[in-house]
Amino acid sequence: MKIRKINNLNKDDVLIAGGKGASLGELTKAGIAIPPGFVILADSKVEDMEKEIIAAFNELSCDLVAVRSSATVEDGKEDAWAGQLESYLNVPRDSLLEKIKLCQASIFSPRAEYYRNQKGLKSANISIAVVVQKMINSKFSGVAFSVHPVTKEKNQLIIEAGYGLGESIVSGEITPDSYIVSKKPKNVLSVIVNSKSQVLDEQQILELSDIVINIENHFNFPCDVEWTHDGNKFYITQSRPITTLGKKDVLISTPEEWTKDRFFNAFLVEESLVLLLRDKFFLKELGYTYKNGITVKGIGDYLLKSEEDHMKMIKQRVLKPKFNFIHKINRLEQNIKTELSKTGKFSVDDYLKIFKTMSEHLAYYGLAKEEAELIFNSNSSSVEDKMYIEKWRNDKSRWHPHDTLWQKISKETKVHVEEIHNMLLDEVTALLKGEEINLEKIAARKHTVWSLVQKDGLVALYLGDMSPQISKRNMENDLTGQTAYSNGKIVTGIVGEDILVVKKTHPGMIEEIRKAKAVVTDEGGILSHAAIVAREFKVPTIIGTKIATEKFKKGDRVEIDTEAGIVRLANK
């Protein structure tokens, strides 16, 4: 049999039904609603089975179908084939056979061949199955990722939504609405509306979130899901692995790895800045700690000097005397343990004392790490010193007291630890005093840009929901968009030479995207094909700026801060 109904397929049928077909079949086993349809199995010749295909079409009792390619190596955990193969929507019976042939032939297109070569699949035995499904009269459609693809936060999923067919979203034609949802506890954390009116209401967002979570749980890996809604019901039209989370498990959740969480402990940042403003060198080191250890948006690049100047300063201050900052860190860690070991109920002042010590510990840790690297790599260091440094660097127990403190506060206040992480110091203090605070507003901060602003000789840290309209981040030549991929650095280059600025990207632009230092688009969302390709090839990308092609012309020198989602005109 060369045709099989989708509900007769499962995840083990990739070699005959391709990744898309096998995945859709598996979704039916999980009780997920999909548009009914059938798959023309791989290596089938349409000339030999025209009557079978038309008969299968007639069984669907519809006027129009979607016809989509499904490669036998498609939808792997490392290679998405996003947009590289052909798909056709609203296909009538008269055009069905032609569109199936075009899908089968698309594996040999120049862009598909290029993608194969770039992904090391040149010698792979690849064939094409074709998925045919009833067209849903879509009121609205979109894409969802069961893990945030940029922050890699596994307790969050992201949904992008637009009116009509979802093809305009996956292709980057439009900038969709974007909703971020926490899984546990389940609630909507962020809503960005790019349509004239919000596409999904809260109830629909949570309903779709349940479906996405069920899909992830069924497959047991993070999923990229395409969905549609006919005004009454959600249908899933595709599910595949997210390819851009890395080959290793990059979803950090263990307490001892908390320094890798980019949005961690806003109040400690604020307190550390207040503590260290008197010494600009330490202030720069705090930026270094957060940039390379926690990667908080907008801080590190604003603070740091050039790498050369930075290292000169480190050498002058750290190597003489040796172990200065490492010993400082050790003393602070002991002080924290001593304070936490006290019995009885802690007063607010007790907590504030610990906060101050932990803040200082966090700030000095950046210096201590630099000192450790220099000692370890120095030819003049003894074997004993190097052994000590190696043990010190690998000691993750230093972060256990931090976790102990958050758990203690959480237990005492009945507020979840993750919510406490996003509070400022005065809010934590108010919480400990039993005062009422806005937890919804605090939870939303996890998705907002941080701003470090210098004004009138003072430095202040702002979160997105608090920040005033500050000229430094709202300059005439600044544009903002969504970060599709960030390498953690500010990228500078020339538009038309090494910076690609376009209205939107399309699947045929892989070579241009791969060669660019950075990509900026007018339209699109972070779940579009272009964004997926950018993440696969690790090209810094800001998407959905609306007017980048109007603002920046060929030959302009631009500065792109992908961490903060900002593009600005630099000196020409």
Protein backbone atom coordinates (compact mmCIF):
# COMPACT_ATOMS: atom_id res chain seq x y z
CA MET A 1 0.00 0.00 0.00
CA LYS A 2 1.42 3.35 -1.05
CA ILE A 3 -1.14 5.55 0.74
CA ARG A 4 -1.86 5.45 4.44
CA LYS A 5 -4.32 7.41 6.54
CA ILE A 6 -2.59 9.62 9.09
CA ASN A 7 -4.29 7.91 12.03
CA ASN A 8 -2.69 4.63 10.93
CA LEU A 9 0.83 6.03 11.34
CA ASN A 10 3.06 6.53 14.38
CA LYS A 11 6.49 7.82 15.40
CA ASP A 12 8.20 4.66 14.12
CA ASP A 13 7.08 5.33 10.53
CA VAL A 14 9.57 8.10 9.69
CA LEU A 15 11.25 6.06 6.93
CA ILE A 16 7.99 5.65 5.02
CA ALA A 17 5.94 8.71 6.07
CA GLY A 18 8.71 11.24 6.75
CA GLY A 19 9.09 13.25 9.92
CA LYS A 20 5.94 15.32 9.43
CA GLY A 21 3.69 12.36 8.56
CA ALA A 22 4.99 10.15 11.37
CA SER A 23 4.64 12.95 13.91
CA LEU A 24 1.04 13.72 12.88
CA GLY A 25 0.18 10.05 13.17
CA GLU A 26 1.69 9.94 16.65
CA LEU A 27 -0.38 12.98 17.65
CA THR A 28 -3.57 11.06 16.91
CA LYS A 29 -2.38 8.35 19.32
CA ALA A 30 -2.07 11.04 22.00
CA GLY A 31 -5.65 12.20 21.39
CA ILE A 32 -4.57 15.50 19.83
CA ALA A 33 -6.96 16.97 17.23
CA ILE A 34 -5.42 17.22 13.75
CA PRO A 35 -7.04 17.90 10.36
CA PRO A 36 -7.95 14.51 8.79
CA GLY A 37 -5.80 13.35 5.92
CA PHE A 38 -3.52 10.79 4.36
CA VAL A 39 0.14 10.34 3.44
CA ILE A 40 1.57 9.29 0.09
CA LEU A 41 4.46 7.18 1.30
CA ALA A 42 8.10 7.83 0.40
CA ASP A 43 9.42 6.70 -3.01
CA SER A 44 5.90 6.38 -4.42
CA LYS A 45 5.36 7.35 -8.07
CA VAL A 46 2.26 9.52 -8.56
CA GLU A 47 1.83 8.26 -12.23
CA ASP A 48 1.18 4.78 -10.84
CA MET A 49 -1.44 5.72 -8.24
CA GLU A 50 -3.53 8.62 -9.51
CA LYS A 51 -6.84 6.80 -8.92
CA GLU A 52 -5.85 5.89 -5.35
CA ILE A 53 -4.92 9.49 -4.56
CA ILE A 54 -8.15 10.92 -5.95
CA ALA A 55 -10.17 8.28 -4.07
CA ALA A 56 -8.39 9.22 -0.80
CA PHE A 57 -9.10 12.90 -1.55
CA ASN A 58 -12.80 12.19 -2.09
CA GLU A 59 -13.00 10.41 1.28
CA LEU A 60 -12.05 13.67 2.99
CA SER A 61 -15.31 15.26 1.73
CA CYS A 62 -13.76 18.71 1.28
CA ASP A 63 -13.03 21.12 -1.55
CA LEU A 64 -9.51 22.15 -0.56
CA VAL A 65 -6.51 20.46 1.02
CA ALA A 66 -3.02 21.31 2.27
CA VAL A 67 -0.22 19.43 0.49
CA ARG A 68 3.10 19.32 2.32
CA SER A 69 6.48 17.64 1.92
CA SER A 70 7.63 15.21 4.59
CA ALA A 71 11.27 14.14 4.22
CA THR A 72 12.46 10.87 5.72
CA VAL A 73 15.17 12.78 7.66
CA GLU A 74 13.02 15.85 8.30
CA ASP A 75 12.22 17.17 11.76
CA GLY A 76 15.27 15.77 13.52
CA LYS A 77 16.38 17.11 16.88
CA GLU A 78 19.23 19.05 15.25
CA ASP A 79 17.98 19.85 11.71
CA ALA A 80 14.56 21.42 11.24
CA TRP A 81 14.47 21.77 7.43
CA ALA A 82 12.39 24.86 8.24
CA GLY A 83 10.86 26.06 4.98
CA GLN A 84 13.35 24.24 2.77
CA LEU A 85 10.79 21.88 1.19
CA GLU A 86 7.59 22.82 -0.62
CA SER A 87 4.13 23.16 0.92
CA TYR A 88 0.91 24.24 -0.76
CA LEU A 89 -2.32 25.43 0.85
CA ASN A 90 -5.87 25.64 -0.51
CA VAL A 91 -5.20 23.03 -3.18
CA PRO A 92 -8.32 21.91 -5.17
CA ARG A 93 -8.77 18.42 -6.60
CA ASP A 94 -7.72 19.51 -10.11
CA SER A 95 -4.28 20.66 -8.88
CA LEU A 96 -3.66 17.91 -6.35
CA LEU A 97 -1.47 15.59 -8.44
CA GLU A 98 0.66 18.46 -9.72
CA LYS A 99 1.32 19.79 -6.20
CA ILE A 100 2.23 16.31 -4.93
CA LYS A 101 4.83 15.99 -7.70
CA LEU A 102 6.27 19.42 -6.88
CA CYS A 103 6.60 18.41 -3.22
CA GLN A 104 8.41 15.22 -4.18
CA ALA A 105 10.77 17.15 -6.44
CA SER A 106 11.53 19.84 -3.84
CA ILE A 107 14.21 17.71 -2.16
CA PHE A 108 16.35 18.40 -5.25
CA SER A 109 15.87 22.18 -5.23
CA PRO A 110 19.02 24.34 -4.89
CA ARG A 111 18.02 25.59 -1.44
CA ALA A 112 17.33 22.05 -0.15
CA GLU A 113 20.63 20.81 -1.59
CA TYR A 114 22.47 23.71 0.05
CA TYR A 115 20.82 23.00 3.40
CA ARG A 116 21.76 19.31 3.14
CA ASN A 117 25.38 20.22 2.47
CA GLN A 118 25.55 22.72 5.31
CA LYS A 119 24.05 20.22 7.76
CA GLY A 120 26.33 17.36 6.70
CA LEU A 121 23.50 15.38 5.08
CA LYS A 122 24.91 15.29 1.54
CA SER A 123 25.37 11.53 1.53
CA ALA A 124 22.18 10.75 3.49
CA ASN A 125 19.56 8.61 1.77
CA ILE A 126 16.62 11.00 1.73
CA SER A 127 13.24 10.55 0.12
CA ILE A 128 9.96 12.46 0.29
CA ALA A 129 6.55 11.44 1.54
CA VAL A 130 3.68 13.87 0.99
CA VAL A 131 1.05 14.78 3.61
CA VAL A 132 -2.42 15.71 2.33
CA GLN A 133 -4.88 17.15 4.87
CA LYS A 134 -8.25 18.80 4.84
CA MET A 135 -7.92 22.59 4.87
CA ILE A 136 -9.29 24.11 8.05
CA ASN A 137 -11.17 27.39 7.60
CA SER A 138 -8.75 29.21 9.89
CA LYS A 139 -9.97 32.14 11.93
CA PHE A 140 -6.51 32.45 13.42
CA SER A 141 -3.35 30.35 13.40
CA GLY A 142 0.21 30.33 14.54
CA VAL A 143 3.19 28.57 16.04
CA ALA A 144 4.07 27.50 19.58
CA PHE A 145 7.32 26.28 21.16
CA SER A 146 7.05 24.20 24.33
CA VAL A 147 10.35 25.71 25.54
CA HIS A 148 11.38 29.34 25.01
CA PRO A 149 13.86 29.03 22.12
CA VAL A 150 15.90 32.12 23.01
CA THR A 151 16.15 32.00 26.81
CA LYS A 152 15.93 28.16 26.80
CA GLU A 153 13.72 28.35 29.87
CA LYS A 154 12.01 24.96 30.07
CA ASN A 155 9.22 26.11 32.40
CA GLN A 156 7.97 28.56 29.77
CA LEU A 157 6.28 28.06 26.44
CA ILE A 158 5.77 30.72 23.80
CA ILE A 159 2.87 31.14 21.38
CA GLU A 160 2.78 33.36 18.29
CA ALA A 161 -0.62 34.09 16.74
CA GLY A 162 -2.10 35.93 13.77
CA TYR A 163 -5.40 36.13 11.92
CA GLY A 164 -6.04 33.77 9.01
CA LEU A 165 -3.58 31.11 7.90
CA GLY A 166 -0.45 30.44 9.92
CA GLU A 167 1.76 30.39 6.81
CA SER A 168 2.24 34.16 7.09
CA ILE A 169 3.73 33.63 10.56
CA VAL A 170 6.03 30.71 9.81
CA SER A 171 7.28 32.48 6.67
CA GLY A 172 7.90 35.75 8.53
CA GLU A 173 5.44 37.72 6.38
CA ILE A 174 3.89 39.37 9.43
CA THR A 175 4.90 40.19 12.98
CA PRO A 176 2.51 38.14 15.11
CA ASP A 177 1.15 38.53 18.61
CA SER A 178 3.44 36.86 21.14
CA TYR A 179 2.38 35.24 24.42
CA ILE A 180 4.68 33.71 27.03
CA VAL A 181 3.16 31.23 29.48
CA SER A 182 4.66 29.60 32.56
CA LYS A 183 3.89 25.88 32.84
CA LYS A 184 4.03 25.49 36.63
CA PRO A 185 2.18 27.41 37.95
CA LYS A 186 0.33 27.88 34.66
CA ASN A 187 -0.37 31.50 33.89
CA VAL A 188 0.18 34.05 31.15
CA LEU A 189 3.38 35.98 31.89
CA SER A 190 3.66 38.25 28.88
CA VAL A 191 1.41 39.49 26.07
CA ILE A 192 2.77 41.46 23.10
CA VAL A 193 0.06 42.54 20.66
CA ASN A 194 1.21 43.29 17.12
CA SER A 195 -2.22 42.95 15.46
CA LYS A 196 -4.96 45.59 15.41
CA SER A 197 -6.58 43.61 18.20
CA GLN A 198 -5.30 40.78 20.38
CA VAL A 199 -5.68 37.48 18.52
CA LEU A 200 -6.12 35.04 21.43
CA ASP A 201 -7.80 35.84 24.70
CA GLU A 202 -6.42 34.49 27.98
CA GLN A 203 -8.70 31.46 28.04
CA GLN A 204 -7.62 30.48 24.52
CA ILE A 205 -3.95 31.02 25.36
CA LEU A 206 -4.23 28.66 28.33
CA GLU A 207 -6.26 26.12 26.34
CA LEU A 208 -3.60 26.02 23.61
CA SER A 209 -0.89 25.88 26.28
CA ASP A 210 -2.47 22.70 27.66
CA ILE A 211 -2.35 21.13 24.20
CA VAL A 212 1.30 22.10 23.71
CA ILE A 213 2.26 20.76 27.15
CA ASN A 214 0.44 17.48 26.38
CA ILE A 215 2.35 17.16 23.11
CA GLU A 216 5.69 17.78 24.85
CA ASN A 217 4.84 15.23 27.54
CA HIS A 218 3.79 12.65 24.95
CA PHE A 219 6.96 12.96 22.86
CA ASN A 220 9.16 13.58 25.93
CA PHE A 221 11.16 16.33 24.23
CA PRO A 222 10.68 20.08 23.55
CA CYS A 223 8.35 20.60 20.58
CA ASP A 224 7.83 23.14 17.80
CA VAL A 225 4.08 23.10 17.07
CA GLU A 226 2.03 24.66 14.26
CA TRP A 227 -1.65 25.16 15.08
CA THR A 228 -4.88 26.61 13.71
CA HIS A 229 -8.34 27.48 15.04
CA ASP A 230 -11.61 27.51 13.08
CA GLY A 231 -13.51 29.63 15.60
CA ASN A 232 -14.60 26.60 17.61
CA LYS A 233 -11.61 24.32 18.05
CA PHE A 234 -7.81 24.14 17.97
CA TYR A 235 -6.16 21.80 15.45
CA ILE A 236 -2.47 20.89 15.35
CA THR A 237 -1.01 20.81 11.82
CA GLN A 238 2.58 19.92 12.70
CA SER A 239 4.83 18.99 15.63
CA ARG A 240 8.58 18.49 15.50
CA PRO A 241 11.54 18.71 17.88
CA ILE A 242 12.99 22.15 18.62
CA THR A 243 16.38 22.06 16.91
CA THR A 244 18.09 25.05 18.49
CA LEU A 245 18.44 24.11 22.14
CA GLY A 246 21.80 22.42 21.57
CA LYS A 247 22.89 18.81 21.49
CA LYS A 248 23.30 18.70 25.25
CA ASP A 249 20.66 19.35 27.87
CA VAL A 250 20.82 23.13 28.11
CA LEU A 251 17.64 23.54 30.14
CA ILE A 252 19.11 24.61 33.44
CA SER A 253 16.93 24.10 36.49
CA THR A 254 19.12 22.68 39.26
CA PRO A 255 19.85 25.08 42.15
CA GLU A 256 23.61 24.69 41.88
CA GLU A 257 23.51 25.95 38.29
CA TRP A 258 21.52 29.10 39.01
CA THR A 259 24.29 31.42 37.81
CA LYS A 260 23.46 30.39 34.24
CA ASP A 261 19.90 31.75 34.46
CA ARG A 262 19.85 35.08 32.63
CA PHE A 263 16.97 36.57 34.61
CA PHE A 264 18.12 35.74 38.12
CA ASN A 265 17.74 37.87 41.25
CA ALA A 266 16.95 41.39 40.15
CA PHE A 267 17.09 42.70 43.69
CA LEU A 268 20.64 41.42 44.15
CA VAL A 269 21.71 43.29 41.04
CA GLU A 270 20.21 46.49 42.38
CA GLU A 271 21.74 46.05 45.81
CA SER A 272 25.15 45.19 44.36
CA LEU A 273 25.14 48.34 42.24
CA VAL A 274 24.28 50.50 45.21
CA LEU A 275 27.02 48.82 47.22
CA LEU A 276 29.69 49.20 44.57
CA LEU A 277 28.99 52.56 42.94
CA ARG A 278 31.84 54.12 44.88
CA ASP A 279 34.36 52.04 42.95
CA LYS A 280 33.87 52.14 39.19
CA PHE A 281 36.30 49.26 38.69
CA PHE A 282 34.19 46.95 40.81
CA LEU A 283 31.12 48.22 39.01
CA LYS A 284 32.66 47.07 35.74
CA GLU A 285 33.47 43.72 37.30
CA LEU A 286 29.86 43.32 38.36
CA GLY A 287 28.91 43.86 34.74
CA TYR A 288 31.41 41.21 33.72
CA THR A 289 29.97 38.74 36.22
CA TYR A 290 26.45 39.23 34.96
CA LYS A 291 27.40 39.29 31.31
CA ASN A 292 29.34 36.03 31.31
CA GLY A 293 27.90 34.24 34.31
CA ILE A 294 24.23 35.20 34.34
CA THR A 295 23.94 37.11 31.05
CA VAL A 296 21.47 39.70 32.25
CA LYS A 297 20.24 41.89 29.42
CA GLY A 298 21.75 45.30 28.93
CA ILE A 299 24.25 45.37 31.80
CA GLY A 300 27.53 43.80 30.76
CA ASP A 301 28.03 45.52 27.42
CA TYR A 302 27.15 48.90 28.88
CA LEU A 303 29.68 48.57 31.67
CA LEU A 304 32.64 46.79 30.15
CA LYS A 305 35.61 48.46 28.58
CA SER A 306 37.41 46.82 25.69
CA GLU A 307 38.76 43.37 26.49
CA GLU A 308 42.34 44.65 26.33
CA ASP A 309 41.78 47.46 28.84
CA HIS A 310 39.73 45.12 30.98
CA MET A 311 42.49 42.53 31.22
CA LYS A 312 45.15 45.16 31.96
CA MET A 313 43.13 46.38 34.88
CA ILE A 314 42.55 42.85 36.15
CA LYS A 315 46.25 42.05 36.06
CA GLN A 316 47.16 45.24 37.93
CA ARG A 317 44.61 44.65 40.67
CA VAL A 318 44.50 40.87 40.97
CA LEU A 319 47.98 39.39 40.62
CA LYS A 320 49.35 41.54 43.43
CA PRO A 321 48.63 40.22 46.03
CA LYS A 322 47.83 36.71 44.82
CA PHE A 323 44.54 35.09 45.92
CA ASN A 324 43.21 38.45 47.07
CA PHE A 325 39.68 38.08 45.68
CA ILE A 326 39.46 34.31 46.08
CA HIS A 327 40.15 34.67 49.79
CA LYS A 328 37.60 37.50 49.91
CA ILE A 329 34.98 35.21 48.36
CA ASN A 330 35.81 32.42 50.82
CA ARG A 331 35.36 34.77 53.79
CA LEU A 332 32.03 36.02 52.46
CA GLU A 333 30.80 32.46 51.89
CA GLN A 334 31.68 31.57 55.46
CA ASN A 335 29.87 34.67 56.74
CA ILE A 336 26.74 33.69 54.79
CA LYS A 337 26.80 30.14 56.17
CA THR A 338 27.25 31.48 59.70
CA GLU A 339 24.29 33.84 59.37
CA LEU A 340 22.03 31.13 57.89
CA SER A 341 22.96 28.63 60.60
CA LYS A 342 21.37 30.77 63.32
CA THR A 343 18.29 29.23 64.90
CA GLY A 344 14.95 30.85 65.55
CA LYS A 345 12.85 33.16 63.43
CA PHE A 346 14.80 35.72 61.37
CA SER A 347 13.86 39.38 61.65
CA VAL A 348 13.72 41.63 58.58
CA ASP A 349 17.05 43.15 59.67
CA ASP A 350 18.57 39.66 59.83
CA TYR A 351 17.52 39.07 56.24
CA LEU A 352 18.82 42.45 55.11
CA LYS A 353 22.20 41.70 56.64
CA ILE A 354 22.38 38.42 54.69
CA PHE A 355 21.23 40.14 51.47
CA LYS A 356 24.06 42.63 51.77
CA THR A 357 26.67 39.90 52.30
CA MET A 358 25.31 37.82 49.42
CA SER A 359 25.24 40.87 47.18
CA GLU A 360 28.88 41.56 47.93
CA HIS A 361 29.69 37.89 47.35
CA LEU A 362 28.03 37.98 43.93
CA ALA A 363 29.87 41.13 42.93
CA TYR A 364 33.31 39.92 44.01
CA TYR A 365 32.80 36.54 42.38
CA GLY A 366 33.51 38.05 38.95
CA LEU A 367 36.87 39.29 40.19
CA ALA A 368 37.67 36.00 41.85
CA LYS A 369 36.95 34.07 38.65
CA GLU A 370 39.33 36.29 36.68
CA GLU A 371 41.98 35.95 39.37
CA ALA A 372 41.60 32.17 39.33
CA GLU A 373 42.04 31.99 35.55
CA LEU A 374 45.15 34.14 35.61
CA ILE A 375 46.78 32.12 38.40
CA PHE A 376 45.88 28.80 36.79
CA ASN A 377 47.30 29.84 33.40
CA SER A 378 50.45 31.52 34.75
CA ASN A 379 53.76 29.69 34.20
CA SER A 380 54.99 31.04 37.54
CA SER A 381 52.18 29.37 39.54
CA SER A 382 53.07 26.26 41.52
CA VAL A 383 51.40 22.88 41.01
CA GLU A 384 49.82 23.25 44.46
CA ASP A 385 48.32 26.61 43.50
CA LYS A 386 46.89 25.19 40.29
CA MET A 387 45.39 22.22 42.10
CA TYR A 388 43.80 24.58 44.62
CA ILE A 389 42.37 26.75 41.81
CA GLU A 390 40.97 23.72 39.98
CA LYS A 391 39.18 22.56 43.13
CA TRP A 392 37.93 26.10 43.86
CA ARG A 393 36.56 26.61 40.35
CA ASN A 394 34.62 23.34 40.42
CA ASP A 395 33.07 23.89 43.84
CA LYS A 396 29.37 24.43 43.20
CA SER A 397 28.48 24.20 46.86
CA ARG A 398 29.05 27.95 47.20
CA TRP A 399 25.61 28.55 45.70
CA HIS A 400 23.75 26.20 48.04
CA PRO A 401 23.31 28.87 50.78
CA HIS A 402 21.69 31.17 48.21
CA ASP A 403 19.15 28.49 47.40
CA THR A 404 18.64 27.78 51.11
CA LEU A 405 17.79 31.45 51.67
CA TRP A 406 15.23 31.64 48.83
CA GLN A 407 13.58 28.45 50.04
CA LYS A 408 13.45 29.82 53.60
CA ILE A 409 11.82 33.07 52.45
CA SER A 410 9.43 31.12 50.20
CA LYS A 411 8.37 28.87 53.05
CA GLU A 412 7.89 31.79 55.42
CA THR A 413 5.94 33.99 52.98
CA LYS A 414 4.11 31.25 51.00
CA VAL A 415 5.38 32.85 47.75
CA HIS A 416 6.98 30.66 45.06
CA VAL A 417 10.78 30.87 44.80
CA GLU A 418 10.67 31.87 41.12
CA GLU A 419 8.56 34.91 41.99
CA ILE A 420 11.00 35.93 44.73
CA HIS A 421 13.85 35.77 42.20
CA ASN A 422 12.26 38.59 40.20
CA MET A 423 11.74 41.00 43.10
CA LEU A 424 13.68 44.08 44.01
CA LEU A 425 15.12 44.46 47.48
CA ASP A 426 12.41 46.77 48.78
CA GLU A 427 9.76 44.34 47.51
CA VAL A 428 11.38 41.40 49.27
CA THR A 429 11.54 43.53 52.41
CA ALA A 430 7.86 44.41 52.06
CA LEU A 431 7.03 40.75 51.54
CA LEU A 432 8.89 39.78 54.73
CA LYS A 433 7.02 42.51 56.62
CA GLY A 434 3.72 41.03 55.46
CA GLU A 435 2.85 43.96 53.20
CA GLU A 436 0.86 43.41 49.99
CA ILE A 437 2.80 43.47 46.71
CA ASN A 438 1.79 43.01 43.05
CA LEU A 439 2.98 39.48 42.23
CA GLU A 440 1.61 39.55 38.65
CA LYS A 441 3.65 42.64 37.83
CA ILE A 442 6.75 41.03 39.34
CA ALA A 443 6.29 37.77 37.42
CA ALA A 444 6.11 39.68 34.13
CA ARG A 445 9.62 41.07 34.66
CA LYS A 446 11.21 37.83 33.65
CA HIS A 447 10.56 38.79 30.03
CA THR A 448 11.44 42.46 30.05
CA VAL A 449 14.60 44.27 29.02
CA TRP A 450 16.92 45.51 31.72
CA SER A 451 18.28 49.04 31.46
CA LEU A 452 21.35 50.35 33.22
CA VAL A 453 21.22 54.13 32.95
CA GLN A 454 23.71 56.79 33.94
CA LYS A 455 22.17 60.17 34.60
CA ASP A 456 23.30 63.21 36.60
CA GLY A 457 26.34 61.32 37.89
CA LEU A 458 24.26 58.42 39.21
CA VAL A 459 23.76 54.90 37.88
CA ALA A 460 20.34 53.28 38.16
CA LEU A 461 19.06 49.83 37.21
CA TYR A 462 15.58 49.61 35.69
CA LEU A 463 13.38 46.69 34.75
CA GLY A 464 11.16 47.00 31.71
CA ASP A 465 7.97 47.59 33.66
CA MET A 466 9.61 50.26 35.80
CA SER A 467 11.87 52.04 33.36
CA PRO A 468 11.01 55.62 32.39
CA GLN A 469 11.40 56.68 28.76
CA ILE A 470 15.12 57.17 29.02
CA SER A 471 16.85 58.88 26.13
CA LYS A 472 19.82 56.51 26.23
CA ARG A 473 17.60 53.57 25.28
CA ASN A 474 15.11 55.53 23.22
CA MET A 475 17.36 57.55 20.96
CA GLU A 476 16.16 58.80 17.59
CA ASN A 477 18.20 56.22 15.71
CA ASP A 478 17.31 53.23 17.94
CA LEU A 479 14.97 50.49 16.79
CA THR A 480 13.67 47.65 18.93
CA GLY A 481 12.61 44.16 17.95
CA GLN A 482 12.53 40.63 19.30
CA THR A 483 15.75 38.70 19.76
CA ALA A 484 15.62 35.52 17.66
CA TYR A 485 19.22 34.57 18.53
CA SER A 486 21.88 36.30 20.62
CA ASN A 487 25.56 35.51 21.01
CA GLY A 488 25.70 37.77 24.07
CA LYS A 489 27.70 40.47 22.31
CA ILE A 490 27.10 43.80 20.62
CA VAL A 491 27.67 43.31 16.89
CA THR A 492 28.82 46.16 14.68
CA GLY A 493 28.96 46.12 10.91
CA ILE A 494 27.99 47.68 7.59
CA VAL A 495 24.52 47.26 6.13
CA GLY A 496 24.79 45.49 2.79
CA GLU A 497 28.23 44.10 3.56
CA ASP A 498 28.21 42.02 6.72
CA ILE A 499 24.86 43.06 8.22
CA LEU A 500 21.72 41.74 6.49
CA VAL A 501 18.76 44.15 6.81
CA VAL A 502 15.63 42.95 5.00
CA LYS A 503 11.85 43.25 5.16
CA LYS A 504 11.67 39.51 5.83
CA THR A 505 13.79 36.47 5.20
CA HIS A 506 12.73 33.43 3.20
CA PRO A 507 13.98 29.83 2.99
CA GLY A 508 16.11 30.57 -0.08
CA MET A 509 18.31 32.98 1.92
CA ILE A 510 20.23 30.42 3.98
CA GLU A 511 23.59 31.37 2.43
CA GLU A 512 23.00 35.07 3.08
CA ILE A 513 21.93 34.42 6.67
CA ARG A 514 24.84 32.07 7.36
CA LYS A 515 27.45 34.53 6.07
CA ALA A 516 26.03 37.58 7.89
CA LYS A 517 27.47 38.89 11.15
CA ALA A 518 23.89 39.71 12.13
CA VAL A 519 20.39 39.85 10.63
CA VAL A 520 17.67 42.47 11.18
CA THR A 521 14.15 42.22 9.73
CA ASP A 522 11.10 44.45 9.50
CA GLU A 523 8.62 41.62 10.02
CA GLY A 524 8.45 38.17 11.57
CA GLY A 525 8.37 36.46 14.94
CA ILE A 526 10.95 34.48 16.89
CA LEU A 527 9.23 31.21 15.92
CA SER A 528 9.33 31.87 12.16
CA HIS A 529 11.41 29.82 9.71
CA ALA A 530 13.96 32.62 9.45
CA ALA A 531 14.42 32.75 13.20
CA ILE A 532 14.85 28.96 13.38
CA VAL A 533 17.50 29.05 10.64
CA ALA A 534 19.32 31.91 12.40
CA ARG A 535 19.44 29.92 15.62
CA GLU A 536 20.60 26.76 13.83
CA PHE A 537 23.51 28.67 12.26
CA LYS A 538 24.04 30.80 15.41
CA VAL A 539 23.67 34.15 13.62
CA PRO A 540 22.67 37.06 15.92
CA THR A 541 19.21 38.13 14.76
CA ILE A 542 16.65 40.77 15.71
CA ILE A 543 13.28 40.28 14.10
CA GLY A 544 10.12 42.37 13.73
CA THR A 545 11.54 45.93 13.98
CA LYS A 546 8.83 47.20 11.56
CA ILE A 547 10.97 49.85 9.80
CA ALA A 548 14.61 48.69 9.72
CA THR A 549 14.76 48.79 5.90
CA GLU A 550 13.49 52.38 5.95
CA LYS A 551 15.75 53.49 8.78
CA PHE A 552 19.04 51.92 7.72
CA LYS A 553 20.46 52.12 4.20
CA LYS A 554 23.27 50.30 2.44
CA GLY A 555 26.61 51.57 3.74
CA ASP A 556 25.29 52.59 7.17
CA ARG A 557 27.33 51.37 10.10
CA VAL A 558 24.99 49.88 12.70
CA GLU A 559 25.34 48.57 16.23
CA ILE A 560 23.17 45.57 17.14
CA ASP A 561 22.58 44.65 20.77
CA THR A 562 20.79 41.32 20.45
CA GLU A 563 20.61 40.85 24.22
CA ALA A 564 18.52 44.01 24.57
CA GLY A 565 16.79 43.72 21.17
CA ILE A 566 18.12 47.11 20.00
CA VAL A 567 19.53 48.28 16.65
CA ARG A 568 21.07 51.72 16.41
CA LEU A 569 22.94 53.78 13.86
CA ALA A 570 26.66 54.04 14.65
CA ASN A 571 29.22 56.33 13.03
CA LYS A 572 29.26 56.03 9.25
